[in-house]
Amino acid sequence: MRSTIIEVRVKPRSKQERIALTGQGIEIRVNTPPVDGRANERVLKMLAEKLDVPKSAMKILTGVSARTKRIAVEGLIESEVRRRLREE
């Protein structure tokens, strides 16, 4: 099965939630605090919805307690991930 590893920068406790492609990469703003893994869970849920994959198809590989995370996405190649993230 195909998979892609993406690097994201998470900004917890944001007023608005969003996923954006910036000059620095993928930025995800969540309104949940980084306590007890809640921000990580929200990041995975938002990505799953945006990429149209089950949440179980994603796993945080590195950065569980950091703002910069590497996430494996099963079932999609990198170009498809980028295309889906660009869609409004």
PDB file of N, CA and C in Angstrom:
ATOM      1  N   MET A   1       0.830  -1.175   0.000  1.00  0.00           N
ATOM      2  CA  MET A   1       0.000   0.000   0.000  1.00  0.00           C
ATOM      3  C   MET A   1       0.883   1.251   0.000  1.00  0.00           C
ATOM      4  N   ARG A   2       0.435   2.268  -0.682  1.00  0.00           N
ATOM      5  CA  ARG A   2       1.177   3.517  -0.762  1.00  0.00           C
ATOM      6  C   ARG A   2       1.036   4.311   0.530  1.00  0.00           C
ATOM      7  N   SER A   3       2.081   5.060   0.828  1.00  0.00           N
ATOM      8  CA  SER A   3       2.000   5.947   1.978  1.00  0.00           C
ATOM      9  C   SER A   3       2.904   7.147   1.742  1.00  0.00           C
ATOM     10  N   THR A   4       2.628   8.194   2.470  1.00  0.00           N
ATOM     11  CA  THR A   4       3.379   9.439   2.367  1.00  0.00           C
ATOM     12  C   THR A   4       3.658   9.937   3.770  1.00  0.00           C
ATOM     13  N   ILE A   5       4.814  10.535   3.938  1.00  0.00           N
ATOM     14  CA  ILE A   5       5.137  11.167   5.212  1.00  0.00           C
ATOM     15  C   ILE A   5       5.106  12.673   4.981  1.00  0.00           C
ATOM     16  N   ILE A   6       4.293  13.355   5.775  1.00  0.00           N
ATOM     17  CA  ILE A   6       4.205  14.811   5.668  1.00  0.00           C
ATOM     18  C   ILE A   6       4.715  15.447   6.950  1.00  0.00           C
ATOM     19  N   GLU A   7       5.248  16.636   6.815  1.00  0.00           N
ATOM     20  CA  GLU A   7       5.684  17.389   7.987  1.00  0.00           C
ATOM     21  C   GLU A   7       4.731  18.557   8.162  1.00  0.00           C
ATOM     22  N   VAL A   8       4.233  18.712   9.362  1.00  0.00           N
ATOM     23  CA  VAL A   8       3.279  19.792   9.649  1.00  0.00           C
ATOM     24  C   VAL A   8       3.763  20.610  10.842  1.00  0.00           C
ATOM     25  N   ARG A   9       3.368  21.856  10.845  1.00  0.00           N
ATOM     26  CA  ARG A   9       3.634  22.750  11.974  1.00  0.00           C
ATOM     27  C   ARG A   9       2.287  23.042  12.623  1.00  0.00           C
ATOM     28  N   VAL A  10       2.159  22.718  13.900  1.00  0.00           N
ATOM     29  CA  VAL A  10       0.890  22.853  14.612  1.00  0.00           C
ATOM     30  C   VAL A  10       0.914  24.093  15.503  1.00  0.00           C
ATOM     31  N   LYS A  11      -0.179  24.836  15.443  1.00  0.00           N
ATOM     32  CA  LYS A  11      -0.340  26.001  16.319  1.00  0.00           C
ATOM     33  C   LYS A  11      -1.575  25.756  17.182  1.00  0.00           C
ATOM     34  N   PRO A  12      -1.376  25.263  18.410  1.00  0.00           N
ATOM     35  CA  PRO A  12      -2.511  25.007  19.301  1.00  0.00           C
ATOM     36  C   PRO A  12      -3.076  26.304  19.875  1.00  0.00           C
ATOM     37  N   ARG A  13      -4.266  26.192  20.440  1.00  0.00           N
ATOM     38  CA  ARG A  13      -4.969  27.323  21.072  1.00  0.00           C
ATOM     39  C   ARG A  13      -5.206  28.486  20.108  1.00  0.00           C
ATOM     40  N   SER A  14      -5.439  28.185  18.838  1.00  0.00           N
ATOM     41  CA  SER A  14      -5.734  29.229  17.856  1.00  0.00           C
ATOM     42  C   SER A  14      -7.208  29.600  17.928  1.00  0.00           C
ATOM     43  N   LYS A  15      -7.524  30.820  17.541  1.00  0.00           N
ATOM     44  CA  LYS A  15      -8.930  31.251  17.550  1.00  0.00           C
ATOM     45  C   LYS A  15      -9.727  30.537  16.473  1.00  0.00           C
ATOM     46  N   GLN A  16      -9.115  30.351  15.294  1.00  0.00           N
ATOM     47  CA  GLN A  16      -9.788  29.650  14.195  1.00  0.00           C
ATOM     48  C   GLN A  16      -8.995  28.412  13.836  1.00  0.00           C
ATOM     49  N   GLU A  17      -9.729  27.357  13.490  1.00  0.00           N
ATOM     50  CA  GLU A  17      -9.066  26.133  13.049  1.00  0.00           C
ATOM     51  C   GLU A  17      -8.950  26.151  11.532  1.00  0.00           C
ATOM     52  N   ARG A  18      -7.780  25.743  11.045  1.00  0.00           N
ATOM     53  CA  ARG A  18      -7.594  25.669   9.600  1.00  0.00           C
ATOM     54  C   ARG A  18      -6.346  24.887   9.261  1.00  0.00           C
ATOM     55  N   ILE A  19      -6.310  24.401   8.031  1.00  0.00           N
ATOM     56  CA  ILE A  19      -5.133  23.762   7.464  1.00  0.00           C
ATOM     57  C   ILE A  19      -4.727  24.617   6.284  1.00  0.00           C
ATOM     58  N   ALA A  20      -3.466  25.022   6.236  1.00  0.00           N
ATOM     59  CA  ALA A  20      -3.006  25.884   5.153  1.00  0.00           C
ATOM     60  C   ALA A  20      -1.644  25.430   4.649  1.00  0.00           C
ATOM     61  N   LEU A  21      -1.466  25.571   3.339  1.00  0.00           N
ATOM     62  CA  LEU A  21      -0.153  25.379   2.742  1.00  0.00           C
ATOM     63  C   LEU A  21       0.513  26.744   2.716  1.00  0.00           C
ATOM     64  N   THR A  22       1.647  26.867   3.381  1.00  0.00           N
ATOM     65  CA  THR A  22       2.368  28.133   3.435  1.00  0.00           C
ATOM     66  C   THR A  22       3.719  27.955   2.754  1.00  0.00           C
ATOM     67  N   GLY A  23       4.485  29.023   2.681  1.00  0.00           N
ATOM     68  CA  GLY A  23       5.824  28.947   2.114  1.00  0.00           C
ATOM     69  C   GLY A  23       6.732  28.018   2.916  1.00  0.00           C
ATOM     70  N   GLN A  24       6.413  27.833   4.190  1.00  0.00           N
ATOM     71  CA  GLN A  24       7.213  26.958   5.048  1.00  0.00           C
ATOM     72  C   GLN A  24       6.699  25.524   5.077  1.00  0.00           C
ATOM     73  N   GLY A  25       5.548  25.261   4.487  1.00  0.00           N
ATOM     74  CA  GLY A  25       4.992  23.910   4.492  1.00  0.00           C
ATOM     75  C   GLY A  25       3.535  23.898   4.912  1.00  0.00           C
ATOM     76  N   ILE A  26       3.150  22.842   5.599  1.00  0.00           N
ATOM     77  CA  ILE A  26       1.763  22.669   6.021  1.00  0.00           C
ATOM     78  C   ILE A  26       1.608  23.192   7.442  1.00  0.00           C
ATOM     79  N   GLU A  27       0.674  24.111   7.620  1.00  0.00           N
ATOM     80  CA  GLU A  27       0.406  24.681   8.938  1.00  0.00           C
ATOM     81  C   GLU A  27      -1.008  24.294   9.350  1.00  0.00           C
ATOM     82  N   ILE A  28      -1.136  23.789  10.567  1.00  0.00           N
ATOM     83  CA  ILE A  28      -2.441  23.399  11.086  1.00  0.00           C
ATOM     84  C   ILE A  28      -2.692  24.152  12.378  1.00  0.00           C
ATOM     85  N   ARG A  29      -3.771  24.920  12.386  1.00  0.00           N
ATOM     86  CA  ARG A  29      -4.178  25.664  13.580  1.00  0.00           C
ATOM     87  C   ARG A  29      -5.362  24.947  14.206  1.00  0.00           C
ATOM     88  N   VAL A  30      -5.232  24.644  15.490  1.00  0.00           N
ATOM     89  CA  VAL A  30      -6.313  23.983  16.226  1.00  0.00           C
ATOM     90  C   VAL A  30      -6.640  24.812  17.459  1.00  0.00           C
ATOM     91  N   ASN A  31      -7.902  24.768  17.882  1.00  0.00           N
ATOM     92  CA  ASN A  31      -8.263  25.565  19.060  1.00  0.00           C
ATOM     93  C   ASN A  31      -8.110  24.790  20.359  1.00  0.00           C
ATOM     94  N   THR A  32      -7.740  23.535  20.295  1.00  0.00           N
ATOM     95  CA  THR A  32      -7.542  22.736  21.509  1.00  0.00           C
ATOM     96  C   THR A  32      -6.143  22.969  22.080  1.00  0.00           C
ATOM     97  N   PRO A  33      -6.004  22.855  23.388  1.00  0.00           N
ATOM     98  CA  PRO A  33      -4.684  23.022  23.997  1.00  0.00           C
ATOM     99  C   PRO A  33      -3.856  21.743  23.856  1.00  0.00           C
ATOM    100  N   PRO A  34      -2.534  21.878  23.932  1.00  0.00           N
ATOM    101  CA  PRO A  34      -1.674  20.698  23.819  1.00  0.00           C
ATOM    102  C   PRO A  34      -1.562  19.954  25.152  1.00  0.00           C
ATOM    103  N   VAL A  35      -2.696  19.491  25.648  1.00  0.00           N
ATOM    104  CA  VAL A  35      -2.744  18.804  26.932  1.00  0.00           C
ATOM    105  C   VAL A  35      -3.297  17.396  26.719  1.00  0.00           C
ATOM    106  N   ASP A  36      -2.629  16.409  27.272  1.00  0.00           N
ATOM    107  CA  ASP A  36      -3.075  15.014  27.208  1.00  0.00           C
ATOM    108  C   ASP A  36      -3.320  14.540  25.774  1.00  0.00           C
ATOM    109  N   GLY A  37      -2.574  15.066  24.814  1.00  0.00           N
ATOM    110  CA  GLY A  37      -2.685  14.621  23.432  1.00  0.00           C
ATOM    111  C   GLY A  37      -3.913  15.106  22.687  1.00  0.00           C
ATOM    112  N   ARG A  38      -4.661  16.032  23.285  1.00  0.00           N
ATOM    113  CA  ARG A  38      -5.899  16.499  22.634  1.00  0.00           C
ATOM    114  C   ARG A  38      -5.617  17.252  21.344  1.00  0.00           C
ATOM    115  N   ALA A  39      -4.572  18.081  21.318  1.00  0.00           N
ATOM    116  CA  ALA A  39      -4.241  18.808  20.090  1.00  0.00           C
ATOM    117  C   ALA A  39      -3.823  17.827  18.990  1.00  0.00           C
ATOM    118  N   ASN A  40      -3.057  16.812  19.350  1.00  0.00           N
ATOM    119  CA  ASN A  40      -2.647  15.806  18.359  1.00  0.00           C
ATOM    120  C   ASN A  40      -3.865  15.079  17.788  1.00  0.00           C
ATOM    121  N   GLU A  41      -4.802  14.720  18.636  1.00  0.00           N
ATOM    122  CA  GLU A  41      -6.020  14.050  18.174  1.00  0.00           C
ATOM    123  C   GLU A  41      -6.807  14.949  17.229  1.00  0.00           C
ATOM    124  N   ARG A  42      -6.889  16.221  17.547  1.00  0.00           N
ATOM    125  CA  ARG A  42      -7.622  17.170  16.695  1.00  0.00           C
ATOM    126  C   ARG A  42      -6.917  17.332  15.351  1.00  0.00           C
ATOM    127  N   VAL A  43      -5.585  17.379  15.365  1.00  0.00           N
ATOM    128  CA  VAL A  43      -4.807  17.477  14.118  1.00  0.00           C
ATOM    129  C   VAL A  43      -5.107  16.281  13.219  1.00  0.00           C
ATOM    130  N   LEU A  44      -5.066  15.079  13.792  1.00  0.00           N
ATOM    131  CA  LEU A  44      -5.324  13.875  12.992  1.00  0.00           C
ATOM    132  C   LEU A  44      -6.753  13.859  12.456  1.00  0.00           C
ATOM    133  N   LYS A  45      -7.705  14.301  13.274  1.00  0.00           N
ATOM    134  CA  LYS A  45      -9.101  14.331  12.825  1.00  0.00           C
ATOM    135  C   LYS A  45      -9.287  15.328  11.677  1.00  0.00           C
ATOM    136  N   MET A  46      -8.703  16.513  11.816  1.00  0.00           N
ATOM    137  CA  MET A  46      -8.820  17.519  10.756  1.00  0.00           C
ATOM    138  C   MET A  46      -8.172  17.035   9.467  1.00  0.00           C
ATOM    139  N   LEU A  47      -6.985  16.441   9.577  1.00  0.00           N
ATOM    140  CA  LEU A  47      -6.309  15.926   8.381  1.00  0.00           C
ATOM    141  C   LEU A  47      -7.111  14.809   7.725  1.00  0.00           C
ATOM    142  N   ALA A  48      -7.663  13.917   8.537  1.00  0.00           N
ATOM    143  CA  ALA A  48      -8.463  12.812   7.990  1.00  0.00           C
ATOM    144  C   ALA A  48      -9.654  13.338   7.206  1.00  0.00           C
ATOM    145  N   GLU A  49     -10.328  14.345   7.748  1.00  0.00           N
ATOM    146  CA  GLU A  49     -11.474  14.928   7.051  1.00  0.00           C
ATOM    147  C   GLU A  49     -11.044  15.603   5.755  1.00  0.00           C
ATOM    148  N   LYS A  50      -9.974  16.379   5.805  1.00  0.00           N
ATOM    149  CA  LYS A  50      -9.507  17.124   4.631  1.00  0.00           C
ATOM    150  C   LYS A  50      -8.987  16.189   3.544  1.00  0.00           C
ATOM    151  N   LEU A  51      -8.290  15.123   3.955  1.00  0.00           N
ATOM    152  CA  LEU A  51      -7.707  14.191   2.982  1.00  0.00           C
ATOM    153  C   LEU A  51      -8.671  13.085   2.574  1.00  0.00           C
ATOM    154  N   ASP A  52      -9.820  13.010   3.239  1.00  0.00           N
ATOM    155  CA  ASP A  52     -10.826  11.987   2.959  1.00  0.00           C
ATOM    156  C   ASP A  52     -10.255  10.577   3.136  1.00  0.00           C
ATOM    157  N   VAL A  53      -9.596  10.378   4.279  1.00  0.00           N
ATOM    158  CA  VAL A  53      -9.073   9.067   4.661  1.00  0.00           C
ATOM    159  C   VAL A  53      -9.510   8.791   6.094  1.00  0.00           C
ATOM    160  N   PRO A  54      -9.565   7.529   6.501  1.00  0.00           N
ATOM    161  CA  PRO A  54      -9.895   7.256   7.905  1.00  0.00           C
ATOM    162  C   PRO A  54      -8.773   7.735   8.824  1.00  0.00           C
ATOM    163  N   LYS A  55      -9.143   8.165  10.008  1.00  0.00           N
ATOM    164  CA  LYS A  55      -8.152   8.625  10.975  1.00  0.00           C
ATOM    165  C   LYS A  55      -7.137   7.517  11.287  1.00  0.00           C
ATOM    166  N   SER A  56      -7.587   6.275  11.195  1.00  0.00           N
ATOM    167  CA  SER A  56      -6.699   5.140  11.466  1.00  0.00           C
ATOM    168  C   SER A  56      -5.603   4.991  10.403  1.00  0.00           C
ATOM    169  N   ALA A  57      -5.733   5.703   9.274  1.00  0.00           N
ATOM    170  CA  ALA A  57      -4.729   5.643   8.206  1.00  0.00           C
ATOM    171  C   ALA A  57      -3.569   6.596   8.481  1.00  0.00           C
ATOM    172  N   MET A  58      -3.613   7.306   9.609  1.00  0.00           N
ATOM    173  CA  MET A  58      -2.569   8.268   9.927  1.00  0.00           C
ATOM    174  C   MET A  58      -1.933   7.967  11.268  1.00  0.00           C
ATOM    175  N   LYS A  59      -0.632   8.288  11.342  1.00  0.00           N
ATOM    176  CA  LYS A  59       0.094   8.062  12.584  1.00  0.00           C
ATOM    177  C   LYS A  59       1.169   9.124  12.723  1.00  0.00           C
ATOM    178  N   ILE A  60       1.277   9.695  13.908  1.00  0.00           N
ATOM    179  CA  ILE A  60       2.344  10.658  14.177  1.00  0.00           C
ATOM    180  C   ILE A  60       3.621   9.866  14.426  1.00  0.00           C
ATOM    181  N   LEU A  61       4.619  10.085  13.563  1.00  0.00           N
ATOM    182  CA  LEU A  61       5.880   9.352  13.677  1.00  0.00           C
ATOM    183  C   LEU A  61       6.850  10.046  14.627  1.00  0.00           C
ATOM    184  N   THR A  62       6.976  11.357  14.482  1.00  0.00           N
ATOM    185  CA  THR A  62       7.863  12.124  15.358  1.00  0.00           C
ATOM    186  C   THR A  62       7.169  13.427  15.732  1.00  0.00           C
ATOM    187  N   GLY A  63       7.559  13.968  16.876  1.00  0.00           N
ATOM    188  CA  GLY A  63       7.037  15.258  17.297  1.00  0.00           C
ATOM    189  C   GLY A  63       5.750  15.194  18.087  1.00  0.00           C
ATOM    190  N   VAL A  64       5.489  14.095  18.753  1.00  0.00           N
ATOM    191  CA  VAL A  64       4.253  13.958  19.537  1.00  0.00           C
ATOM    192  C   VAL A  64       4.107  15.107  20.519  1.00  0.00           C
ATOM    193  N   SER A  65       5.207  15.543  21.117  1.00  0.00           N
ATOM    194  CA  SER A  65       5.125  16.643  22.090  1.00  0.00           C
ATOM    195  C   SER A  65       5.743  17.934  21.555  1.00  0.00           C
ATOM    196  N   ALA A  66       5.933  18.009  20.241  1.00  0.00           N
ATOM    197  CA  ALA A  66       6.512  19.204  19.616  1.00  0.00           C
ATOM    198  C   ALA A  66       5.518  19.842  18.660  1.00  0.00           C
ATOM    199  N   ARG A  67       5.791  21.061  18.262  1.00  0.00           N
ATOM    200  CA  ARG A  67       4.913  21.736  17.302  1.00  0.00           C
ATOM    201  C   ARG A  67       5.111  21.202  15.889  1.00  0.00           C
ATOM    202  N   THR A  68       6.329  20.807  15.548  1.00  0.00           N
ATOM    203  CA  THR A  68       6.605  20.235  14.232  1.00  0.00           C
ATOM    204  C   THR A  68       6.492  18.723  14.329  1.00  0.00           C
ATOM    205  N   LYS A  69       5.652  18.156  13.473  1.00  0.00           N
ATOM    206  CA  LYS A  69       5.374  16.720  13.519  1.00  0.00           C
ATOM    207  C   LYS A  69       5.567  16.095  12.145  1.00  0.00           C
ATOM    208  N   ARG A  70       5.975  14.852  12.124  1.00  0.00           N
ATOM    209  CA  ARG A  70       6.009  14.057  10.894  1.00  0.00           C
ATOM    210  C   ARG A  70       4.898  13.032  11.023  1.00  0.00           C
ATOM    211  N   ILE A  71       4.001  13.046  10.028  1.00  0.00           N
ATOM    212  CA  ILE A  71       2.819  12.188  10.066  1.00  0.00           C
ATOM    213  C   ILE A  71       2.801  11.291   8.840  1.00  0.00           C
ATOM    214  N   ALA A  72       2.611   9.994   9.054  1.00  0.00           N
ATOM    215  CA  ALA A  72       2.477   9.039   7.955  1.00  0.00           C
ATOM    216  C   ALA A  72       1.009   8.961   7.559  1.00  0.00           C
ATOM    217  N   VAL A  73       0.755   9.051   6.252  1.00  0.00           N
ATOM    218  CA  VAL A  73      -0.597   8.949   5.712  1.00  0.00           C
ATOM    219  C   VAL A  73      -0.620   7.741   4.787  1.00  0.00           C
ATOM    220  N   GLU A  74      -1.332   6.704   5.179  1.00  0.00           N
ATOM    221  CA  GLU A  74      -1.420   5.482   4.379  1.00  0.00           C
ATOM    222  C   GLU A  74      -2.448   5.636   3.271  1.00  0.00           C
ATOM    223  N   GLY A  75      -2.144   5.103   2.112  1.00  0.00           N
ATOM    224  CA  GLY A  75      -3.115   5.049   1.026  1.00  0.00           C
ATOM    225  C   GLY A  75      -3.058   6.197   0.042  1.00  0.00           C
ATOM    226  N   LEU A  76      -2.208   7.204   0.275  1.00  0.00           N
ATOM    227  CA  LEU A  76      -2.101   8.339  -0.638  1.00  0.00           C
ATOM    228  C   LEU A  76      -0.640   8.624  -0.952  1.00  0.00           C
ATOM    229  N   ILE A  77      -0.389   9.027  -2.196  1.00  0.00           N
ATOM    230  CA  ILE A  77       0.956   9.469  -2.553  1.00  0.00           C
ATOM    231  C   ILE A  77       1.057  10.961  -2.289  1.00  0.00           C
ATOM    232  N   GLU A  78       2.275  11.477  -2.232  1.00  0.00           N
ATOM    233  CA  GLU A  78       2.490  12.874  -1.834  1.00  0.00           C
ATOM    234  C   GLU A  78       1.746  13.867  -2.723  1.00  0.00           C
ATOM    235  N   SER A  79       1.746  13.658  -4.024  1.00  0.00           N
ATOM    236  CA  SER A  79       1.070  14.608  -4.916  1.00  0.00           C
ATOM    237  C   SER A  79      -0.433  14.650  -4.642  1.00  0.00           C
ATOM    238  N   GLU A  80      -1.018  13.518  -4.299  1.00  0.00           N
ATOM    239  CA  GLU A  80      -2.453  13.475  -3.983  1.00  0.00           C
ATOM    240  C   GLU A  80      -2.731  14.170  -2.648  1.00  0.00           C
ATOM    241  N   VAL A  81      -1.851  13.999  -1.686  1.00  0.00           N
ATOM    242  CA  VAL A  81      -2.001  14.693  -0.398  1.00  0.00           C
ATOM    243  C   VAL A  81      -1.973  16.196  -0.623  1.00  0.00           C
ATOM    244  N   ARG A  82      -1.005  16.686  -1.380  1.00  0.00           N
ATOM    245  CA  ARG A  82      -0.891  18.122  -1.645  1.00  0.00           C
ATOM    246  C   ARG A  82      -2.116  18.646  -2.397  1.00  0.00           C
ATOM    247  N   ARG A  83      -2.603  17.879  -3.379  1.00  0.00           N
ATOM    248  CA  ARG A  83      -3.775  18.295  -4.144  1.00  0.00           C
ATOM    249  C   ARG A  83      -4.991  18.435  -3.230  1.00  0.00           C
ATOM    250  N   ARG A  84      -5.203  17.459  -2.366  1.00  0.00           N
ATOM    251  CA  ARG A  84      -6.361  17.494  -1.466  1.00  0.00           C
ATOM    252  C   ARG A  84      -6.246  18.615  -0.438  1.00  0.00           C
ATOM    253  N   LEU A  85      -5.038  18.914   0.011  1.00  0.00           N
ATOM    254  CA  LEU A  85      -4.850  20.000   0.968  1.00  0.00           C
ATOM    255  C   LEU A  85      -5.101  21.369   0.337  1.00  0.00           C
ATOM    256  N   ARG A  86      -4.860  21.492  -0.966  1.00  0.00           N
ATOM    257  CA  ARG A  86      -5.083  22.758  -1.663  1.00  0.00           C
ATOM    258  C   ARG A  86      -6.567  23.022  -1.915  1.00  0.00           C
ATOM    259  N   GLU A  87      -7.380  21.980  -1.955  1.00  0.00           N
ATOM    260  CA  GLU A  87      -8.799  22.144  -2.242  1.00  0.00           C
ATOM    261  C   GLU A  87      -9.485  22.908  -1.125  1.00  0.00           C
ATOM    262  N   GLU A  88     -10.457  23.731  -1.509  1.00  0.00           N
ATOM    263  CA  GLU A  88     -11.212  24.499  -0.526  1.00  0.00           C
ATOM    264  C   GLU A  88     -12.455  23.782  -0.126  1.00  0.00           C
TER     265      GLU A  88
END
